[in-house]
């Protein structure tokens, strides 16, 4: 039986614990700085043993998973070095942090001591946080990046870790820490900064045009949804991946200067070409609706439904979904419409839930539905 230590029992740690117990015999030792959280994990059989501290858990496991924020993981790795934690012979240590260069740098002294450390990043999330939101299927079909130390890469250890994590049903990809941080900066970290900047721009314009915020209830709100993410977490991510973000800003500034000049020249063909090229590239990106693997940016899956403006329309839709036991994460009305129909936007946790909802609603109603 494999003993796994999970340090940090928030959404990711507790979901990992549930997933690992699905198809194999493992003993889970759990630790969280919140005793209330650890106690709940034990009561719900997410863990088999409550560890009094992180060191206790780490020293008694075959696989150690730091499912804590990056800054906390770095601090714990430094603590492990300073206090000379004694890991089991052949133990594999990994983490779940969203930036990998700081983690791999902090783990280097352990690696030099002969400890096998493989960085990890399951690219999955939820609109909720904490142990209450734990899901054993959270990582299914999501990319799970592994970043072994380039100098001491151990293929057997990588294969062992993949085997232990296989019940998550994630899609495993091996990258260097630098490759990981560069790619996630492009598709996740930088978009968060841009989305937040667009929201700031809207707030600035609202001072002169108060009604503009009401017009933002539709597409603008969808476009900038990620700006609603935890500010503390994104402060940390931004600082941890600062160099890659600055590199992207340099390129972004140059591109915006080009776009500025295109618009200034007022050439219809040139403007059309700009939008056509962007549309073509965007349309060719993998679609979650077509069964592609979930990407780096957590998202919900929206279904847009044209509904008539009369009593009972929304209730009819939600009752059908309730009867079929399809869970939704959010529901809202987009009011910025120029025709007589309103748009009901329903968000789902999974693409499969959205597809089921669409199929059932098409069968039982005559409403038009769209996936954007």
Protein backbone atom coordinates (compact mmCIF):
# COMPACT_ATOMS: atom_id res chain seq x y z
CA UNK A 1 0.00 0.00 0.00
CA UNK A 2 1.28 3.47 -0.91
CA UNK A 3 1.28 6.12 1.79
CA UNK A 4 0.55 9.62 0.51
CA UNK A 5 0.95 12.78 2.56
CA UNK A 6 -1.21 15.71 1.50
CA UNK A 7 -0.14 18.96 3.11
CA UNK A 8 -2.89 21.53 2.63
CA UNK A 9 -6.51 20.37 2.49
CA UNK A 10 -8.17 23.16 0.56
CA UNK A 11 -9.98 22.62 -2.73
CA UNK A 12 -6.98 21.07 -4.52
CA UNK A 13 -5.61 18.98 -1.65
CA UNK A 14 -8.95 17.55 -0.56
CA UNK A 15 -10.00 16.88 -4.17
CA UNK A 16 -6.72 15.04 -4.75
CA UNK A 17 -7.36 12.97 -1.65
CA UNK A 18 -10.80 11.95 -2.93
CA UNK A 19 -9.45 11.18 -6.39
CA UNK A 20 -6.50 9.08 -5.21
CA UNK A 21 -8.80 6.80 -3.23
CA UNK A 22 -11.04 6.00 -6.19
CA UNK A 23 -9.18 3.11 -7.81
CA UNK A 24 -6.30 2.10 -5.57
CA UNK A 25 -5.38 1.25 -2.01
CA UNK A 26 -3.62 4.22 -0.51
CA UNK A 27 -3.26 5.53 3.00
CA UNK A 28 -3.64 9.30 3.17
CA UNK A 29 -1.91 11.29 5.89
CA UNK A 30 -3.35 14.79 5.95
CA UNK A 31 -2.29 18.08 7.45
CA UNK A 32 -3.76 21.55 7.26
CA UNK A 33 -2.96 24.58 9.39
CA UNK A 34 -6.68 24.74 10.17
CA UNK A 35 -7.52 21.94 12.60
CA UNK A 36 -11.20 22.40 11.75
CA UNK A 37 -10.39 21.59 8.12
CA UNK A 38 -8.25 18.58 9.05
CA UNK A 39 -10.96 17.27 11.36
CA UNK A 40 -13.58 17.60 8.63
CA UNK A 41 -11.32 15.76 6.19
CA UNK A 42 -10.97 12.90 8.67
CA UNK A 43 -14.70 12.76 9.44
CA UNK A 44 -15.49 12.62 5.73
CA UNK A 45 -12.89 9.85 5.20
CA UNK A 46 -10.82 12.05 2.92
CA UNK A 47 -7.76 11.19 5.01
CA UNK A 48 -6.86 8.18 7.14
CA UNK A 49 -4.44 9.84 9.56
CA UNK A 50 -4.37 13.36 11.00
CA UNK A 51 -0.82 14.69 11.11
CA UNK A 52 0.08 17.12 13.92
CA UNK A 53 2.34 19.09 11.57
CA UNK A 54 3.70 19.08 8.02
CA UNK A 55 6.96 17.42 9.01
CA UNK A 56 5.18 14.47 10.62
CA UNK A 57 3.19 13.88 7.42
CA UNK A 58 6.16 14.27 5.07
CA UNK A 59 8.48 11.94 6.96
CA UNK A 60 6.00 9.04 6.93
CA UNK A 61 4.97 9.01 3.28
CA UNK A 62 6.06 7.43 0.02
CA UNK A 63 4.63 10.38 -1.91
CA UNK A 64 4.45 13.87 -0.41
CA UNK A 65 2.15 16.45 -2.01
CA UNK A 66 2.38 20.10 -0.99
CA UNK A 67 -1.11 21.34 -1.94
CA UNK A 68 -0.51 24.81 -0.52
CA UNK A 69 -0.11 28.27 -2.10
CA UNK A 70 3.27 28.77 -3.76
CA UNK A 71 4.64 31.08 -1.06
CA UNK A 72 3.63 28.61 1.65
CA UNK A 73 5.20 25.71 -0.25
CA UNK A 74 8.44 27.65 -0.64
CA UNK A 75 8.46 28.35 3.10
CA UNK A 76 7.82 24.68 3.94
CA UNK A 77 10.58 23.54 1.61
CA UNK A 78 12.97 25.96 3.29
CA UNK A 79 11.81 24.62 6.66
CA UNK A 80 12.44 21.05 5.51
CA UNK A 81 16.01 21.97 4.62
CA UNK A 82 16.73 24.00 7.76
CA UNK A 83 15.23 21.39 10.11
CA UNK A 84 16.64 18.46 8.11
CA UNK A 85 13.41 16.60 7.58
CA UNK A 86 14.08 12.90 7.00
CA UNK A 87 12.13 11.69 3.98
CA UNK A 88 11.63 7.98 3.35
CA UNK A 89 14.14 6.31 1.07
CA UNK A 90 12.81 6.57 -2.48
CA UNK A 91 10.10 9.06 -1.51
CA UNK A 92 8.77 11.37 -4.20
CA UNK A 93 7.95 14.95 -3.25
CA UNK A 94 5.71 17.12 -5.43
CA UNK A 95 3.45 20.18 -5.24
CA UNK A 96 0.42 21.73 -6.95
CA UNK A 97 1.53 25.36 -7.34
CA UNK A 98 0.63 27.51 -10.34
CA UNK A 99 4.18 28.83 -10.83
CA UNK A 100 7.04 26.39 -11.02
CA UNK A 101 10.34 28.29 -11.17
CA UNK A 102 10.13 29.55 -7.55
CA UNK A 103 9.16 26.06 -6.37
CA UNK A 104 11.96 24.27 -8.21
CA UNK A 105 14.46 26.85 -6.98
CA UNK A 106 13.33 26.33 -3.37
CA UNK A 107 13.50 22.55 -3.80
CA UNK A 108 17.06 22.55 -5.17
CA UNK A 109 18.80 22.00 -1.80
CA UNK A 110 16.56 18.98 -1.18
CA UNK A 111 17.34 17.64 -4.65
CA UNK A 112 21.06 18.05 -3.92
CA UNK A 113 20.53 15.95 -0.79
CA UNK A 114 19.16 13.15 -2.97
CA UNK A 115 15.43 13.76 -2.47
CA UNK A 116 13.35 13.24 -5.61
CA UNK A 117 11.30 16.39 -6.20
CA UNK A 118 8.98 16.71 -9.18
CA UNK A 119 7.03 19.94 -9.52
CA UNK A 120 3.35 19.61 -10.34
CA UNK A 121 0.47 21.80 -11.45
CA UNK A 122 -3.03 20.37 -11.96
CA UNK A 123 -4.76 22.92 -14.18
CA UNK A 124 -8.18 22.64 -12.63
CA UNK A 125 -10.28 24.78 -10.35
CA UNK A 126 -13.76 25.68 -9.22
CA UNK A 127 -15.95 28.70 -8.63
CA UNK A 128 -15.85 27.63 -4.96
CA UNK A 129 -12.91 27.16 -2.62
CA UNK A 130 -12.08 25.15 0.48
CA UNK A 131 -12.69 21.57 1.53
CA UNK A 132 -16.47 21.98 1.17
CA UNK A 133 -16.00 22.33 -2.59
CA UNK A 134 -13.89 19.15 -2.96
CA UNK A 135 -14.70 16.97 -5.97
CA UNK A 136 -13.14 13.64 -6.84
CA UNK A 137 -13.61 14.40 -10.55
CA UNK A 138 -12.09 17.89 -10.39
CA UNK A 139 -8.99 16.95 -12.39
CA UNK A 140 -10.61 14.70 -14.97
CA UNK A 141 -9.52 15.70 -18.51
CA UNK A 142 -7.53 18.65 -17.15
CA UNK A 143 -3.86 19.07 -17.99
CA UNK A 144 -1.61 18.06 -15.12
CA UNK A 145 1.88 19.48 -15.69
CA UNK A 146 4.93 17.76 -14.15
CA UNK A 147 8.25 19.63 -13.95
CA UNK A 148 11.14 17.37 -12.87
CA UNK A 149 14.56 18.78 -12.16
CA UNK A 150 16.33 18.83 -15.53
CA UNK A 151 19.71 17.74 -14.15
CA UNK A 152 18.44 14.75 -12.16
CA UNK A 153 15.36 13.72 -14.14
CA UNK A 154 14.38 10.21 -13.06
CA UNK A 155 12.07 8.54 -15.58
CA UNK A 156 11.17 5.76 -13.14
CA UNK A 157 10.17 8.30 -10.48
CA UNK A 158 8.09 10.17 -13.07
CA UNK A 159 6.32 6.97 -14.03
CA UNK A 160 5.70 6.12 -10.37
CA UNK A 161 4.21 9.54 -9.72
CA UNK A 162 1.99 9.24 -12.80
CA UNK A 163 0.78 5.87 -11.56
CA UNK A 164 -0.06 7.23 -8.11
CA UNK A 165 -1.88 10.22 -9.63
CA UNK A 166 -3.60 8.21 -12.39
CA UNK A 167 -7.00 8.02 -10.59
CA UNK A 168 -7.32 11.77 -11.10
CA UNK A 169 -7.82 11.07 -14.83
CA UNK A 170 -5.68 14.09 -15.64
CA UNK A 171 -3.70 14.50 -18.87
CA UNK A 172 -0.02 14.44 -17.88
CA UNK A 173 2.54 16.59 -19.67
CA UNK A 174 6.21 16.93 -18.72
CA UNK A 175 7.76 20.40 -19.12
CA UNK A 176 10.63 22.34 -17.67
CA UNK A 177 9.71 24.84 -14.96
CA UNK A 178 10.69 27.67 -17.30
CA UNK A 179 8.48 26.35 -20.12
CA UNK A 180 5.56 25.99 -17.75
CA UNK A 181 5.82 29.52 -16.38
CA UNK A 182 6.23 31.03 -19.84
CA UNK A 183 3.17 29.23 -21.22
CA UNK A 184 0.91 29.88 -18.24
CA UNK A 185 1.93 33.54 -18.32
CA UNK A 186 0.59 33.74 -21.89
CA UNK A 187 -2.69 31.87 -21.43
CA UNK A 188 -3.53 32.56 -17.78
CA UNK A 189 -1.50 35.12 -15.84
CA UNK A 190 -1.33 37.85 -18.49
CA UNK A 191 -5.07 37.61 -19.36
CA UNK A 192 -5.87 38.18 -15.68
CA UNK A 193 -3.85 41.38 -15.68
CA UNK A 194 -5.50 42.56 -18.91
CA UNK A 195 -9.00 41.72 -17.65
CA UNK A 196 -8.38 43.68 -14.46
CA UNK A 197 -7.07 46.60 -16.52
CA UNK A 198 -10.22 46.60 -18.67
CA UNK A 199 -12.36 46.72 -15.53
CA UNK A 200 -10.31 49.68 -14.28
CA UNK A 201 -10.85 51.38 -17.63
CA UNK A 202 -14.61 50.87 -17.32
CA UNK A 203 -14.61 52.33 -13.80
CA UNK A 204 -12.74 55.37 -15.11
CA UNK A 205 -15.20 55.89 -17.99
CA UNK A 206 -18.20 55.45 -15.65
CA UNK A 207 -17.25 58.65 -13.87
CA UNK A 208 -18.15 60.59 -17.02
CA UNK A 209 -20.74 58.17 -18.46
CA UNK A 210 -22.62 56.51 -15.55
CA UNK A 211 -24.84 54.41 -17.83
CA UNK A 212 -21.86 52.59 -19.35
CA UNK A 213 -21.73 50.12 -16.45
CA UNK A 214 -25.24 48.92 -17.31
CA UNK A 215 -24.16 48.23 -20.88
CA UNK A 216 -21.31 46.13 -19.48
CA UNK A 217 -23.77 43.55 -18.10
CA UNK A 218 -23.44 41.38 -21.22
CA UNK A 219 -20.34 40.65 -23.26
CA UNK A 220 -18.03 42.90 -21.27
CA UNK A 221 -18.89 41.08 -18.07
CA UNK A 222 -18.16 37.71 -19.71
CA UNK A 223 -14.92 39.00 -21.21
CA UNK A 224 -13.64 40.21 -17.84
CA UNK A 225 -15.04 37.43 -15.62
CA UNK A 226 -11.57 36.31 -14.53
CA UNK A 227 -10.98 39.72 -12.91
CA UNK A 228 -13.27 38.48 -10.11
CA UNK A 229 -10.65 35.95 -8.96
CA UNK A 230 -9.02 36.10 -5.52
CA UNK A 231 -6.88 39.30 -5.46
CA UNK A 232 -4.40 37.91 -2.91
CA UNK A 233 -3.74 34.81 -4.97
CA UNK A 234 -3.26 36.85 -8.14
CA UNK A 235 -0.99 39.32 -6.37
CA UNK A 236 1.24 36.38 -5.49
CA UNK A 237 1.08 34.82 -8.96
CA UNK A 238 1.95 38.17 -10.57
CA UNK A 239 4.98 38.69 -8.35
CA UNK A 240 6.12 35.07 -8.72
CA UNK A 241 6.00 35.20 -12.52
CA UNK A 242 7.03 38.83 -12.83
CA UNK A 243 9.79 38.35 -15.44
CA UNK A 244 7.53 36.50 -17.87
CA UNK A 245 4.77 39.07 -17.42
CA UNK A 246 7.14 41.94 -18.13
CA UNK A 247 8.33 40.14 -21.28
CA UNK A 248 4.72 39.84 -22.43
CA UNK A 249 4.00 43.47 -21.64
CA UNK A 250 6.88 44.55 -23.87
CA UNK A 251 5.40 42.53 -26.74
CA UNK A 252 1.84 43.70 -25.93
CA UNK A 253 2.90 47.35 -26.02
CA UNK A 254 4.44 46.87 -29.45
CA UNK A 255 1.30 45.14 -30.70
CA UNK A 256 -0.98 47.85 -29.34
CA UNK A 257 1.18 50.47 -31.06
CA UNK A 258 0.70 48.56 -34.32
CA UNK A 259 -3.07 48.41 -33.82
CA UNK A 260 -3.12 52.11 -32.98
CA UNK A 261 -1.38 52.91 -36.27
CA UNK A 262 -3.74 50.61 -38.22
CA UNK A 263 -6.77 52.45 -36.86
CA UNK A 264 -5.10 55.82 -37.34
CA UNK A 265 -4.41 55.09 -41.04
CA UNK A 266 -8.17 54.39 -41.44
CA UNK A 267 -7.66 51.76 -44.16
CA UNK A 268 -10.78 49.49 -44.22
CA UNK A 269 -8.90 46.54 -45.71
CA UNK A 270 -6.15 46.76 -43.12
CA UNK A 271 -8.66 46.91 -40.26
CA UNK A 272 -10.59 43.98 -41.75
CA UNK A 273 -7.41 41.94 -42.06
CA UNK A 274 -6.59 42.54 -38.38
CA UNK A 275 -9.96 41.21 -37.23
CA UNK A 276 -10.07 38.34 -39.75
CA UNK A 277 -6.67 37.00 -38.68
CA UNK A 278 -7.65 37.14 -35.02
CA UNK A 279 -11.00 35.44 -35.71
CA UNK A 280 -9.42 32.65 -37.73
CA UNK A 281 -6.80 31.88 -35.09
CA UNK A 282 -9.34 32.04 -32.26
CA UNK A 283 -11.82 29.81 -34.11
CA UNK A 284 -9.11 27.19 -34.63
CA UNK A 285 -8.32 26.95 -30.92
CA UNK A 286 -9.42 23.69 -29.22
CA UNK A 287 -12.98 23.94 -27.97
CA UNK A 288 -14.15 22.49 -24.66
CA UNK A 289 -17.51 21.98 -26.34
CA UNK A 290 -15.87 19.60 -28.80
CA UNK A 291 -14.31 17.55 -26.01
CA UNK A 292 -10.89 19.17 -25.85
CA UNK A 293 -8.89 18.97 -22.64
CA UNK A 294 -9.44 21.78 -20.16
CA UNK A 295 -6.78 24.47 -20.51
CA UNK A 296 -4.78 26.56 -18.07
CA UNK A 297 -7.46 29.15 -17.40
CA UNK A 298 -10.26 28.05 -15.14
CA UNK A 299 -13.61 28.76 -16.70
CA UNK A 300 -17.25 27.90 -16.38
CA UNK A 301 -19.23 26.60 -19.33
CA UNK A 302 -22.01 28.94 -20.41
CA UNK A 303 -25.20 28.20 -22.29
CA UNK A 304 -27.01 31.23 -23.76
CA UNK A 305 -30.77 30.71 -24.09
CA UNK A 306 -33.15 33.04 -25.94
CA UNK A 307 -36.25 33.20 -23.77
CA UNK A 308 -39.44 35.28 -24.21
CA UNK A 309 -40.15 37.96 -21.66
CA UNK A 310 -43.13 36.41 -19.94
CA UNK A 311 -43.74 34.96 -16.45
CA UNK A 312 -42.53 31.42 -15.90
CA UNK A 313 -39.86 31.23 -18.63
CA UNK A 314 -36.90 31.08 -16.25
CA UNK A 315 -38.74 28.76 -13.87
CA UNK A 316 -39.50 26.39 -16.76
CA UNK A 317 -35.81 26.11 -17.69
CA UNK A 318 -34.50 25.71 -14.15
CA UNK A 319 -37.19 23.13 -13.30
CA UNK A 320 -36.21 20.99 -16.29
CA UNK A 321 -32.56 21.09 -15.19
CA UNK A 322 -33.52 20.31 -11.60
CA UNK A 323 -35.62 17.33 -12.71
CA UNK A 324 -32.59 15.97 -14.56
CA UNK A 325 -30.32 16.70 -11.58
CA UNK A 326 -27.98 18.88 -13.63
CA UNK A 327 -26.00 21.21 -11.40
CA UNK A 328 -25.42 24.80 -12.44
CA UNK A 329 -22.98 27.30 -10.95
CA UNK A 330 -24.59 30.60 -11.93
CA UNK A 331 -27.61 32.04 -13.70
CA UNK A 332 -28.20 35.56 -14.98
CA UNK A 333 -30.17 37.64 -17.45
CA UNK A 334 -28.37 39.67 -20.11
CA UNK A 335 -30.51 42.78 -20.45
CA UNK A 336 -28.60 44.63 -23.16
CA UNK A 337 -30.74 43.27 -26.00
CA UNK A 338 -32.28 45.12 -28.93
CA UNK A 339 -34.98 42.54 -29.73
CA UNK A 340 -37.98 41.26 -27.76
CA UNK A 341 -36.16 38.18 -26.45
CA UNK A 342 -33.92 38.25 -23.44
CA UNK A 343 -30.93 36.00 -23.01
CA UNK A 344 -30.72 33.68 -20.04
CA UNK A 345 -27.10 32.69 -19.38
CA UNK A 346 -26.58 29.54 -17.34
CA UNK A 347 -23.07 28.52 -16.23
CA UNK A 348 -22.04 24.94 -15.58
CA UNK A 349 -19.02 23.39 -13.89
CA UNK A 350 -18.35 20.91 -16.70
CA UNK A 351 -18.70 20.85 -20.47
CA UNK A 352 -20.57 17.53 -20.11
CA UNK A 353 -23.22 19.19 -17.91
CA UNK A 354 -23.67 21.98 -20.45
CA UNK A 355 -24.08 19.49 -23.29
CA UNK A 356 -26.67 17.47 -21.34
CA UNK A 357 -28.56 20.66 -20.49
CA UNK A 358 -28.60 21.80 -24.09
CA UNK A 359 -29.76 18.43 -25.41
CA UNK A 360 -32.57 18.18 -22.86
CA UNK A 361 -33.74 21.78 -23.29
CA UNK A 362 -33.76 21.43 -27.08
CA UNK A 363 -35.91 18.34 -26.67
CA UNK A 364 -38.40 19.87 -24.23
CA UNK A 365 -38.59 23.53 -25.31
CA UNK A 366 -38.52 25.54 -28.52
CA UNK A 367 -36.00 28.10 -27.23
CA UNK A 368 -32.91 28.90 -29.29
CA UNK A 369 -29.59 28.15 -27.58
CA UNK A 370 -26.05 29.28 -28.28
CA UNK A 371 -22.55 28.43 -27.08
CA UNK A 372 -20.15 31.32 -27.58
